Amino acid sequence: MNEKSYTELMKIGAMKRQRKENFVQDLYIEMLLSEIQLNVEREKLLKKIDRAIDHRDKQNFYLLSKQLVEINKRFGT
């Protein structure tokens, strides 16, 4: 028979919990970085939209506005 001792079983259980915790932590970090990246993209785009308005550039304004809608979709808003 290939029975494991109580100590070995506890070590295996601890390793599984650690892997699960690491996965959740990595997922959280990835989500946080994605949100930061989207915020930076959005802020840059808003500045470009403001410049297009200041220069009365309708074509660029419409193009940038469409991009903003896409970013907002990625945000879930």
N, C-alpha and C. Protein backbone atom coordinates (compact mmCIF):
# COMPACT_ATOMS: atom_id res chain seq x y z
N MET A 1 0.81 -1.19 0.00
CA MET A 1 0.00 0.00 0.00
C MET A 1 0.86 1.26 0.00
N ASN A 2 0.29 2.30 -0.58
CA ASN A 2 1.02 3.56 -0.67
C ASN A 2 0.27 4.62 0.13
N GLU A 3 0.19 4.43 1.43
CA GLU A 3 -0.52 5.37 2.29
C GLU A 3 0.43 6.47 2.73
N LYS A 4 -0.11 7.67 2.81
CA LYS A 4 0.71 8.81 3.20
C LYS A 4 0.48 9.10 4.68
N SER A 5 1.49 9.61 5.30
CA SER A 5 1.37 9.95 6.72
C SER A 5 0.55 11.23 6.86
N TYR A 6 0.12 11.48 8.08
CA TYR A 6 -0.65 12.68 8.38
C TYR A 6 0.16 13.92 8.03
N THR A 7 1.44 13.92 8.34
CA THR A 7 2.32 15.06 8.05
C THR A 7 2.40 15.31 6.56
N GLU A 8 2.56 14.26 5.78
CA GLU A 8 2.64 14.41 4.33
C GLU A 8 1.33 14.97 3.77
N LEU A 9 0.21 14.46 4.27
CA LEU A 9 -1.10 14.95 3.82
C LEU A 9 -1.28 16.44 4.17
N MET A 10 -0.83 16.84 5.34
CA MET A 10 -0.94 18.24 5.74
C MET A 10 -0.06 19.13 4.85
N LYS A 11 1.12 18.66 4.51
CA LYS A 11 2.01 19.41 3.62
C LYS A 11 1.38 19.57 2.24
N ILE A 12 0.80 18.50 1.73
CA ILE A 12 0.14 18.55 0.42
C ILE A 12 -1.02 19.54 0.45
N GLY A 13 -1.81 19.48 1.51
CA GLY A 13 -2.94 20.42 1.65
C GLY A 13 -2.48 21.86 1.71
N ALA A 14 -1.40 22.10 2.45
CA ALA A 14 -0.86 23.46 2.57
C ALA A 14 -0.34 23.96 1.22
N MET A 15 0.30 23.09 0.46
CA MET A 15 0.80 23.47 -0.86
C MET A 15 -0.34 23.82 -1.80
N LYS A 16 -1.43 23.04 -1.74
CA LYS A 16 -2.59 23.32 -2.60
C LYS A 16 -3.20 24.66 -2.24
N ARG A 17 -3.33 24.95 -0.94
CA ARG A 17 -3.88 26.24 -0.50
C ARG A 17 -2.99 27.38 -0.96
N GLN A 18 -1.67 27.18 -0.85
CA GLN A 18 -0.73 28.22 -1.26
C GLN A 18 -0.85 28.52 -2.74
N ARG A 19 -0.98 27.47 -3.56
CA ARG A 19 -1.13 27.67 -5.01
C ARG A 19 -2.41 28.44 -5.32
N LYS A 20 -3.49 28.09 -4.60
CA LYS A 20 -4.77 28.77 -4.82
C LYS A 20 -4.65 30.24 -4.42
N GLU A 21 -4.00 30.51 -3.30
CA GLU A 21 -3.82 31.89 -2.85
C GLU A 21 -2.97 32.67 -3.84
N ASN A 22 -1.92 32.05 -4.36
CA ASN A 22 -1.06 32.71 -5.34
C ASN A 22 -1.83 33.02 -6.62
N PHE A 23 -2.69 32.09 -7.04
CA PHE A 23 -3.49 32.31 -8.24
C PHE A 23 -4.41 33.51 -8.05
N VAL A 24 -5.08 33.55 -6.91
CA VAL A 24 -6.01 34.66 -6.64
C VAL A 24 -5.24 35.97 -6.57
N GLN A 25 -4.09 35.96 -5.92
CA GLN A 25 -3.28 37.16 -5.81
C GLN A 25 -2.81 37.63 -7.20
N ASP A 26 -2.35 36.71 -8.03
CA ASP A 26 -1.91 37.05 -9.38
C ASP A 26 -3.07 37.61 -10.20
N LEU A 27 -4.25 37.03 -10.04
CA LEU A 27 -5.43 37.51 -10.75
C LEU A 27 -5.78 38.93 -10.32
N TYR A 28 -5.72 39.18 -9.02
CA TYR A 28 -6.01 40.51 -8.50
C TYR A 28 -5.01 41.53 -9.05
N ILE A 29 -3.74 41.19 -9.05
CA ILE A 29 -2.70 42.09 -9.55
C ILE A 29 -2.93 42.39 -11.03
N GLU A 30 -3.27 41.35 -11.79
CA GLU A 30 -3.53 41.54 -13.22
C GLU A 30 -4.72 42.46 -13.46
N MET A 31 -5.77 42.28 -12.67
CA MET A 31 -6.94 43.15 -12.80
C MET A 31 -6.59 44.59 -12.45
N LEU A 32 -5.81 44.77 -11.41
CA LEU A 32 -5.41 46.11 -10.98
C LEU A 32 -4.58 46.81 -12.05
N LEU A 33 -3.63 46.08 -12.62
CA LEU A 33 -2.79 46.66 -13.68
C LEU A 33 -3.61 47.01 -14.92
N SER A 34 -4.57 46.16 -15.26
CA SER A 34 -5.44 46.44 -16.41
C SER A 34 -6.26 47.70 -16.18
N GLU A 35 -6.76 47.86 -14.96
CA GLU A 35 -7.54 49.06 -14.66
C GLU A 35 -6.67 50.31 -14.73
N ILE A 36 -5.46 50.22 -14.22
CA ILE A 36 -4.54 51.37 -14.29
C ILE A 36 -4.26 51.73 -15.74
N GLN A 37 -3.99 50.71 -16.55
CA GLN A 37 -3.70 50.95 -17.97
C GLN A 37 -4.90 51.60 -18.67
N LEU A 38 -6.10 51.12 -18.40
CA LEU A 38 -7.29 51.72 -19.00
C LEU A 38 -7.48 53.16 -18.55
N ASN A 39 -7.21 53.43 -17.28
CA ASN A 39 -7.33 54.81 -16.78
C ASN A 39 -6.36 55.74 -17.48
N VAL A 40 -5.13 55.28 -17.68
CA VAL A 40 -4.13 56.10 -18.37
C VAL A 40 -4.56 56.35 -19.81
N GLU A 41 -5.00 55.29 -20.50
CA GLU A 41 -5.48 55.44 -21.89
C GLU A 41 -6.63 56.43 -21.95
N ARG A 42 -7.55 56.29 -21.02
CA ARG A 42 -8.74 57.15 -21.00
C ARG A 42 -8.36 58.62 -20.78
N GLU A 43 -7.46 58.86 -19.83
CA GLU A 43 -7.03 60.24 -19.55
C GLU A 43 -6.33 60.87 -20.75
N LYS A 44 -5.47 60.11 -21.43
CA LYS A 44 -4.80 60.62 -22.63
C LYS A 44 -5.82 60.95 -23.71
N LEU A 45 -6.79 60.07 -23.87
CA LEU A 45 -7.81 60.27 -24.89
C LEU A 45 -8.66 61.50 -24.57
N LEU A 46 -9.00 61.70 -23.31
CA LEU A 46 -9.78 62.88 -22.93
C LEU A 46 -9.02 64.17 -23.22
N LYS A 47 -7.70 64.15 -23.01
CA LYS A 47 -6.89 65.33 -23.33
C LYS A 47 -6.88 65.59 -24.83
N LYS A 48 -6.80 64.52 -25.62
CA LYS A 48 -6.84 64.68 -27.08
C LYS A 48 -8.19 65.21 -27.53
N ILE A 49 -9.25 64.74 -26.89
CA ILE A 49 -10.60 65.23 -27.22
C ILE A 49 -10.70 66.71 -26.89
N ASP A 50 -10.17 67.12 -25.74
CA ASP A 50 -10.19 68.54 -25.37
C ASP A 50 -9.44 69.38 -26.40
N ARG A 51 -8.29 68.88 -26.87
CA ARG A 51 -7.53 69.62 -27.89
C ARG A 51 -8.32 69.71 -29.21
N ALA A 52 -9.00 68.63 -29.57
CA ALA A 52 -9.80 68.64 -30.79
C ALA A 52 -10.92 69.67 -30.67
N ILE A 53 -11.52 69.76 -29.49
CA ILE A 53 -12.58 70.76 -29.27
C ILE A 53 -11.99 72.16 -29.36
N ASP A 54 -10.85 72.37 -28.70
CA ASP A 54 -10.21 73.69 -28.73
C ASP A 54 -9.88 74.13 -30.15
N HIS A 55 -9.47 73.17 -31.00
CA HIS A 55 -9.10 73.50 -32.38
C HIS A 55 -10.28 73.36 -33.35
N ARG A 56 -11.44 73.07 -32.81
CA ARG A 56 -12.68 72.91 -33.61
C ARG A 56 -12.48 71.88 -34.73
N ASP A 57 -11.83 70.80 -34.38
CA ASP A 57 -11.54 69.72 -35.32
C ASP A 57 -12.61 68.64 -35.16
N LYS A 58 -13.71 68.79 -35.90
CA LYS A 58 -14.84 67.87 -35.76
C LYS A 58 -14.49 66.43 -36.12
N GLN A 59 -13.77 66.25 -37.20
CA GLN A 59 -13.44 64.91 -37.67
C GLN A 59 -12.63 64.15 -36.60
N ASN A 60 -11.61 64.80 -36.08
CA ASN A 60 -10.79 64.18 -35.04
C ASN A 60 -11.60 63.96 -33.76
N PHE A 61 -12.46 64.92 -33.44
CA PHE A 61 -13.32 64.80 -32.26
C PHE A 61 -14.20 63.55 -32.37
N TYR A 62 -14.83 63.35 -33.50
CA TYR A 62 -15.70 62.19 -33.68
C TYR A 62 -14.91 60.88 -33.60
N LEU A 63 -13.74 60.87 -34.21
CA LEU A 63 -12.89 59.68 -34.16
C LEU A 63 -12.49 59.36 -32.72
N LEU A 64 -12.03 60.37 -32.01
CA LEU A 64 -11.60 60.18 -30.63
C LEU A 64 -12.78 59.81 -29.72
N SER A 65 -13.93 60.37 -30.00
CA SER A 65 -15.12 60.04 -29.21
C SER A 65 -15.50 58.58 -29.36
N LYS A 66 -15.37 58.05 -30.57
CA LYS A 66 -15.64 56.62 -30.80
C LYS A 66 -14.66 55.77 -30.01
N GLN A 67 -13.41 56.20 -29.99
CA GLN A 67 -12.40 55.46 -29.21
C GLN A 67 -12.73 55.49 -27.72
N LEU A 68 -13.24 56.63 -27.26
CA LEU A 68 -13.62 56.77 -25.86
C LEU A 68 -14.78 55.83 -25.52
N VAL A 69 -15.72 55.70 -26.43
CA VAL A 69 -16.83 54.78 -26.22
C VAL A 69 -16.30 53.35 -26.07
N GLU A 70 -15.34 52.98 -26.90
CA GLU A 70 -14.75 51.64 -26.83
C GLU A 70 -14.04 51.41 -25.49
N ILE A 71 -13.31 52.42 -25.05
CA ILE A 71 -12.62 52.29 -23.75
C ILE A 71 -13.64 52.17 -22.62
N ASN A 72 -14.70 52.94 -22.71
CA ASN A 72 -15.74 52.86 -21.68
C ASN A 72 -16.40 51.48 -21.66
N LYS A 73 -16.53 50.86 -22.82
CA LYS A 73 -17.06 49.50 -22.88
C LYS A 73 -16.13 48.54 -22.18
N ARG A 74 -14.82 48.74 -22.38
CA ARG A 74 -13.84 47.87 -21.72
C ARG A 74 -13.88 48.06 -20.20
N PHE A 75 -14.23 49.26 -19.77
CA PHE A 75 -14.38 49.55 -18.34
C PHE A 75 -15.65 48.92 -17.79
N GLY A 76 -16.60 48.65 -18.69
CA GLY A 76 -17.87 48.11 -18.24
C GLY A 76 -18.87 49.20 -17.92
N THR A 77 -18.65 50.40 -18.46
CA THR A 77 -19.60 51.50 -18.21
C THR A 77 -20.35 51.83 -19.45
